Structures are given as C-alpha cells and as structure tokens.
Amino acid sequence: MFYFTSGQTGICELLVFPGIFAGENSIVIVSGANDVLSEDDVRSAKSLIASASVCVCQLEINPELTHFTLSSAKKAGGLFYDNF
C-alpha cells in the first residue's frame, strides 16, 4: 500500500448513454495521484508483491507500469489479474 501526501486522488466516471445508443458507454479517467506511482515504487514493494496471493491492476495507472507490475507478480510466482 502506498500513501502520497500531496496531489489529488484519481477518479473514473462511467457514462452510459440512453436512447438509440442505449447500453453504449464511455469511461473518463482523471489519473491524479495514480500518475505519481513509479517503477521504483513497485520495486520497493517487491516483497509485498511476492507474498501476495493475487496482484490486481486496473488501467488507472500507466499501461507500461501495469505491465511492469504484473510481470513482477508473475516472476514471483503469484496469480495476477488485469481488470481491463
């Protein structure tokens, strides 16, 4: 778990359209503090990731960082899941 003392939290809005576009949706992401997370943060959590039963990532963080994190979890032998 990482705690940042500055910056705004990220938000994600899911818009579902009515009428002739019923069921269609659009996702708007404002990254906020999620943009602060880095590979160094993931490396510093190596033992935490290695001891976890499952590592779950979502696309609110940089896709390259998501890949790096999931690769780290896979190398540690854990289960990993990307919630696209």
Protein backbone atom coordinates (compact mmCIF):
# COMPACT_ATOMS: atom_id res chain seq x y z
CA MET A 1 0.00 0.00 0.00
CA PHE A 2 1.33 3.43 -0.93
CA TYR A 3 0.31 6.69 0.67
CA PHE A 4 1.00 10.00 -1.01
CA THR A 5 0.78 13.21 0.97
CA SER A 6 0.36 15.55 -1.99
CA GLY A 7 -1.71 15.60 -5.13
CA GLN A 8 -5.30 14.74 -5.80
CA THR A 9 -6.82 11.30 -5.86
CA GLY A 10 -7.74 9.84 -9.22
CA ILE A 11 -11.33 9.46 -10.35
CA CYS A 12 -13.06 7.48 -13.05
CA GLU A 13 -16.51 8.23 -14.45
CA LEU A 14 -18.52 5.68 -16.39
CA LEU A 15 -21.09 7.27 -18.71
CA VAL A 16 -23.91 5.07 -20.04
CA PHE A 17 -25.90 6.51 -22.91
CA PRO A 18 -29.72 6.40 -23.24
CA GLY A 19 -31.91 6.36 -26.35
CA ILE A 20 -30.66 4.96 -29.63
CA PHE A 21 -27.23 4.48 -28.07
CA ALA A 22 -28.68 2.63 -25.07
CA GLY A 23 -26.09 0.41 -23.42
CA GLU A 24 -23.14 2.14 -25.08
CA ASN A 25 -20.68 3.58 -22.60
CA SER A 26 -17.66 5.77 -22.28
CA ILE A 27 -15.09 5.83 -19.48
CA VAL A 28 -13.40 9.08 -18.48
CA ILE A 29 -10.26 8.76 -16.32
CA VAL A 30 -8.56 11.58 -14.43
CA SER A 31 -5.36 9.98 -13.15
CA GLY A 32 -4.48 12.30 -10.27
CA ALA A 33 -2.10 10.60 -7.84
CA ASN A 34 -2.04 7.47 -10.00
CA ASP A 35 0.42 9.30 -12.28
CA VAL A 36 2.87 9.58 -9.36
CA LEU A 37 3.30 5.80 -8.99
CA SER A 38 6.60 4.64 -10.49
CA GLU A 39 8.64 1.50 -11.20
CA ASP A 40 10.76 2.40 -8.15
CA ASP A 41 7.59 2.22 -6.02
CA VAL A 42 6.82 -1.23 -7.44
CA ARG A 43 10.41 -2.37 -6.87
CA SER A 44 10.25 -1.18 -3.25
CA ALA A 45 7.12 -3.32 -2.80
CA LYS A 46 8.79 -6.43 -4.27
CA SER A 47 8.47 -8.48 -1.07
CA LEU A 48 4.84 -7.42 -0.64
CA ILE A 49 4.04 -8.41 -4.24
CA ALA A 50 5.91 -11.72 -3.84
CA SER A 51 3.95 -12.58 -0.69
CA ALA A 52 0.55 -11.68 -2.17
CA SER A 53 -1.85 -14.39 -3.29
CA VAL A 54 -3.14 -12.22 -6.14
CA CYS A 55 -1.98 -8.97 -7.77
CA VAL A 56 -4.81 -6.95 -9.37
CA CYS A 57 -4.19 -3.95 -11.64
CA GLN A 58 -6.52 -1.59 -13.44
CA LEU A 59 -5.92 0.87 -16.24
CA GLU A 60 -5.99 3.91 -13.97
CA ILE A 61 -2.19 3.77 -13.91
CA ASN A 62 0.26 4.00 -16.80
CA PRO A 63 -0.09 0.87 -19.02
CA GLU A 64 3.69 0.31 -19.04
CA LEU A 65 3.71 0.41 -15.24
CA THR A 66 0.78 -2.01 -15.16
CA HIS A 67 2.78 -4.40 -17.37
CA PHE A 68 5.88 -3.99 -15.18
CA THR A 69 3.85 -4.69 -12.02
CA LEU A 70 2.11 -7.75 -13.46
CA SER A 71 5.42 -9.07 -14.79
CA SER A 72 6.90 -8.68 -11.31
CA ALA A 73 3.98 -10.62 -9.83
CA LYS A 74 4.34 -13.36 -12.44
CA LYS A 75 8.10 -13.68 -11.80
CA ALA A 76 7.34 -14.03 -8.08
CA GLY A 77 5.04 -16.96 -8.90
CA GLY A 78 1.81 -15.26 -7.88
CA LEU A 79 -1.51 -15.01 -9.64
CA PHE A 80 -2.12 -11.77 -11.47
CA TYR A 81 -5.18 -10.15 -12.96
CA ASP A 82 -5.56 -7.05 -15.10
CA ASN A 83 -9.07 -5.64 -14.81
CA PHE A 84 -9.43 -4.06 -18.26
